[in-house]
Amino acid sequence: MAGIRFCPECGSATNPMAEICVKCGVRVGKELDISPKSRLAATLLAFFLGDFGAHRFYVGKNGTAVVMLLLGVIGWATIWILGIGLIFLIPVWIWSTVDFIFAVAGRMRDSQGNLIQEW
């Protein structure tokens, strides 16, 4: 087993000279960079302002942050019109909840693909 490395994501044996796992596509050639962004800030923003995509603006994912912001604003603005706003808010709530879980678990990535792990 000398010279064999294992993928940190899927656990399969990889060539020690390989940079990408052939089974799952994760970079194995070098260690992933850790983002300078705060995991605590991303977590709190996702929890309190997740409806408006504040946590995504913070980590630099501006495109998806704008989508969340628009859906959140439209949803909250139309919630009183026979509950039509729920059509917009329910997907945003699910999306921000998943982002919150990823932030708490340290699996959220910034716009450069670096893991946000430092509290």
C-alpha atoms as a PDB file:
ATOM      1  CA  MET A   1       0.000   0.000   0.000  1.00  0.00           C
ATOM      2  CA  ALA A   2       3.056   2.253  -0.132  1.00  0.00           C
ATOM      3  CA  GLY A   3       2.453   5.268  -2.337  1.00  0.00           C
ATOM      4  CA  ILE A   4      -1.325   4.978  -2.356  1.00  0.00           C
ATOM      5  CA  ARG A   5      -3.365   7.914  -1.193  1.00  0.00           C
ATOM      6  CA  PHE A   6      -7.068   7.904  -0.356  1.00  0.00           C
ATOM      7  CA  CYS A   7      -9.622  10.490  -1.402  1.00  0.00           C
ATOM      8  CA  PRO A   8     -10.796  12.576   1.585  1.00  0.00           C
ATOM      9  CA  GLU A   9     -14.328  12.758   0.160  1.00  0.00           C
ATOM     10  CA  CYS A  10     -15.198   9.247  -1.069  1.00  0.00           C
ATOM     11  CA  GLY A  11     -12.360   7.168   0.444  1.00  0.00           C
ATOM     12  CA  SER A  12     -11.303   5.452  -2.775  1.00  0.00           C
ATOM     13  CA  ALA A  13      -7.616   4.734  -3.476  1.00  0.00           C
ATOM     14  CA  THR A  14      -5.987   7.302  -5.752  1.00  0.00           C
ATOM     15  CA  ASN A  15      -2.650   7.715  -7.476  1.00  0.00           C
ATOM     16  CA  PRO A  16      -0.305   9.754  -5.232  1.00  0.00           C
ATOM     17  CA  MET A  17       0.495  12.018  -8.192  1.00  0.00           C
ATOM     18  CA  ALA A  18      -3.171  12.659  -9.050  1.00  0.00           C
ATOM     19  CA  GLU A  19      -4.719  16.035  -8.355  1.00  0.00           C
ATOM     20  CA  ILE A  20      -8.345  14.938  -8.804  1.00  0.00           C
ATOM     21  CA  CYS A  21     -10.108  11.782  -7.644  1.00  0.00           C
ATOM     22  CA  VAL A  22     -11.373   9.847 -10.662  1.00  0.00           C
ATOM     23  CA  LYS A  23     -14.413   8.547  -8.771  1.00  0.00           C
ATOM     24  CA  CYS A  24     -15.861  11.730  -7.237  1.00  0.00           C
ATOM     25  CA  GLY A  25     -13.901  14.610  -8.834  1.00  0.00           C
ATOM     26  CA  VAL A  26     -12.625  16.148  -5.573  1.00  0.00           C
ATOM     27  CA  ARG A  27      -9.177  17.784  -5.533  1.00  0.00           C
ATOM     28  CA  VAL A  28      -6.764  15.449  -3.747  1.00  0.00           C
ATOM     29  CA  GLY A  29      -3.417  16.762  -5.002  1.00  0.00           C
ATOM     30  CA  LYS A  30      -3.153  19.574  -2.503  1.00  0.00           C
ATOM     31  CA  GLU A  31      -4.934  20.589   0.654  1.00  0.00           C
ATOM     32  CA  LEU A  32      -7.982  22.777   0.240  1.00  0.00           C
ATOM     33  CA  ASP A  33      -7.547  26.367   1.205  1.00  0.00           C
ATOM     34  CA  ILE A  34      -9.445  27.658   4.195  1.00  0.00           C
ATOM     35  CA  SER A  35     -11.426  30.828   3.627  1.00  0.00           C
ATOM     36  CA  PRO A  36     -10.649  33.921   5.702  1.00  0.00           C
ATOM     37  CA  LYS A  37     -14.404  34.438   6.152  1.00  0.00           C
ATOM     38  CA  SER A  38     -15.909  33.805   9.583  1.00  0.00           C
ATOM     39  CA  ARG A  39     -18.031  30.702  10.020  1.00  0.00           C
ATOM     40  CA  LEU A  40     -19.851  32.357  12.923  1.00  0.00           C
ATOM     41  CA  ALA A  41     -20.794  35.369  10.810  1.00  0.00           C
ATOM     42  CA  ALA A  42     -22.030  33.159   7.957  1.00  0.00           C
ATOM     43  CA  THR A  43     -24.031  31.043  10.407  1.00  0.00           C
ATOM     44  CA  LEU A  44     -25.665  34.015  12.130  1.00  0.00           C
ATOM     45  CA  LEU A  45     -26.449  35.751   8.845  1.00  0.00           C
ATOM     46  CA  ALA A  46     -28.018  32.564   7.463  1.00  0.00           C
ATOM     47  CA  PHE A  47     -30.122  32.151  10.606  1.00  0.00           C
ATOM     48  CA  PHE A  48     -31.343  35.728  11.042  1.00  0.00           C
ATOM     49  CA  LEU A  49     -31.257  37.167   7.497  1.00  0.00           C
ATOM     50  CA  GLY A  50     -31.346  34.022   5.389  1.00  0.00           C
ATOM     51  CA  ASP A  51     -34.608  35.091   3.724  1.00  0.00           C
ATOM     52  CA  PHE A  52     -32.724  37.952   2.109  1.00  0.00           C
ATOM     53  CA  GLY A  53     -29.501  36.116   1.186  1.00  0.00           C
ATOM     54  CA  ALA A  54     -27.271  38.150   3.516  1.00  0.00           C
ATOM     55  CA  HIS A  55     -25.025  35.154   4.214  1.00  0.00           C
ATOM     56  CA  ARG A  56     -24.475  34.628   0.484  1.00  0.00           C
ATOM     57  CA  PHE A  57     -23.506  38.281   0.011  1.00  0.00           C
ATOM     58  CA  TYR A  58     -21.048  37.815   2.893  1.00  0.00           C
ATOM     59  CA  VAL A  59     -19.308  34.803   1.325  1.00  0.00           C
ATOM     60  CA  GLY A  60     -19.161  36.472  -2.099  1.00  0.00           C
ATOM     61  CA  LYS A  61     -21.844  34.493  -3.927  1.00  0.00           C
ATOM     62  CA  ASN A  62     -23.568  37.605  -5.188  1.00  0.00           C
ATOM     63  CA  GLY A  63     -25.571  36.040  -8.031  1.00  0.00           C
ATOM     64  CA  THR A  64     -27.452  33.595  -5.832  1.00  0.00           C
ATOM     65  CA  ALA A  65     -27.673  36.220  -3.092  1.00  0.00           C
ATOM     66  CA  VAL A  66     -29.578  38.534  -5.438  1.00  0.00           C
ATOM     67  CA  VAL A  67     -31.959  35.684  -6.326  1.00  0.00           C
ATOM     68  CA  MET A  68     -32.615  35.021  -2.628  1.00  0.00           C
ATOM     69  CA  LEU A  69     -33.056  38.740  -1.969  1.00  0.00           C
ATOM     70  CA  LEU A  70     -35.594  39.135  -4.772  1.00  0.00           C
ATOM     71  CA  LEU A  71     -37.548  36.034  -3.764  1.00  0.00           C
ATOM     72  CA  GLY A  72     -37.545  37.124  -0.124  1.00  0.00           C
ATOM     73  CA  VAL A  73     -38.675  40.680  -0.835  1.00  0.00           C
ATOM     74  CA  ILE A  74     -41.387  39.566  -3.265  1.00  0.00           C
ATOM     75  CA  GLY A  75     -42.508  36.876  -0.819  1.00  0.00           C
ATOM     76  CA  TRP A  76     -42.757  39.153   2.196  1.00  0.00           C
ATOM     77  CA  ALA A  77     -44.376  41.945   0.131  1.00  0.00           C
ATOM     78  CA  THR A  78     -47.124  39.631  -1.153  1.00  0.00           C
ATOM     79  CA  ILE A  79     -47.653  37.444   1.929  1.00  0.00           C
ATOM     80  CA  TRP A  80     -50.805  39.360   2.858  1.00  0.00           C
ATOM     81  CA  ILE A  81     -52.417  38.874  -0.560  1.00  0.00           C
ATOM     82  CA  LEU A  82     -54.116  35.526   0.069  1.00  0.00           C
ATOM     83  CA  GLY A  83     -50.808  33.993   1.100  1.00  0.00           C
ATOM     84  CA  ILE A  84     -49.327  34.218  -2.405  1.00  0.00           C
ATOM     85  CA  GLY A  85     -46.000  35.172  -0.865  1.00  0.00           C
ATOM     86  CA  LEU A  86     -45.595  31.640   0.468  1.00  0.00           C
ATOM     87  CA  ILE A  87     -44.916  30.494  -3.090  1.00  0.00           C
ATOM     88  CA  PHE A  88     -41.752  32.593  -2.965  1.00  0.00           C
ATOM     89  CA  LEU A  89     -40.909  32.201   0.714  1.00  0.00           C
ATOM     90  CA  ILE A  90     -41.044  28.422   1.141  1.00  0.00           C
ATOM     91  CA  PRO A  91     -38.188  27.736  -1.350  1.00  0.00           C
ATOM     92  CA  VAL A  92     -36.142  30.538   0.234  1.00  0.00           C
ATOM     93  CA  TRP A  93     -36.728  29.100   3.722  1.00  0.00           C
ATOM     94  CA  ILE A  94     -35.593  25.659   2.585  1.00  0.00           C
ATOM     95  CA  TRP A  95     -32.568  27.141   0.796  1.00  0.00           C
ATOM     96  CA  SER A  96     -31.504  29.253   3.771  1.00  0.00           C
ATOM     97  CA  THR A  97     -32.012  26.317   6.165  1.00  0.00           C
ATOM     98  CA  VAL A  98     -29.728  24.125   4.058  1.00  0.00           C
ATOM     99  CA  ASP A  99     -27.163  26.944   3.913  1.00  0.00           C
ATOM    100  CA  PHE A 100     -27.421  27.332   7.706  1.00  0.00           C
ATOM    101  CA  ILE A 101     -26.744  23.617   8.209  1.00  0.00           C
ATOM    102  CA  PHE A 102     -23.766  23.775   5.841  1.00  0.00           C
ATOM    103  CA  ALA A 103     -22.403  26.813   7.695  1.00  0.00           C
ATOM    104  CA  VAL A 104     -22.743  25.167  11.115  1.00  0.00           C
ATOM    105  CA  ALA A 105     -21.093  21.979   9.824  1.00  0.00           C
ATOM    106  CA  GLY A 106     -18.200  23.896   8.253  1.00  0.00           C
ATOM    107  CA  ARG A 107     -19.040  22.691   4.739  1.00  0.00           C
ATOM    108  CA  MET A 108     -20.026  26.072   3.273  1.00  0.00           C
ATOM    109  CA  ARG A 109     -17.683  27.448   0.622  1.00  0.00           C
ATOM    110  CA  ASP A 110     -16.908  31.006  -0.382  1.00  0.00           C
ATOM    111  CA  SER A 111     -16.923  32.342  -3.950  1.00  0.00           C
ATOM    112  CA  GLN A 112     -13.403  30.962  -4.580  1.00  0.00           C
ATOM    113  CA  GLY A 113     -14.410  27.467  -3.468  1.00  0.00           C
ATOM    114  CA  ASN A 114     -12.543  27.631  -0.152  1.00  0.00           C
ATOM    115  CA  LEU A 115     -14.137  26.037   2.897  1.00  0.00           C
ATOM    116  CA  ILE A 116     -15.357  28.425   5.588  1.00  0.00           C
ATOM    117  CA  GLN A 117     -14.196  26.620   8.726  1.00  0.00           C
ATOM    118  CA  GLU A 118     -12.731  29.163  11.126  1.00  0.00           C
ATOM    119  CA  TRP A 119     -15.191  30.337  13.790  1.00  0.00           C
END
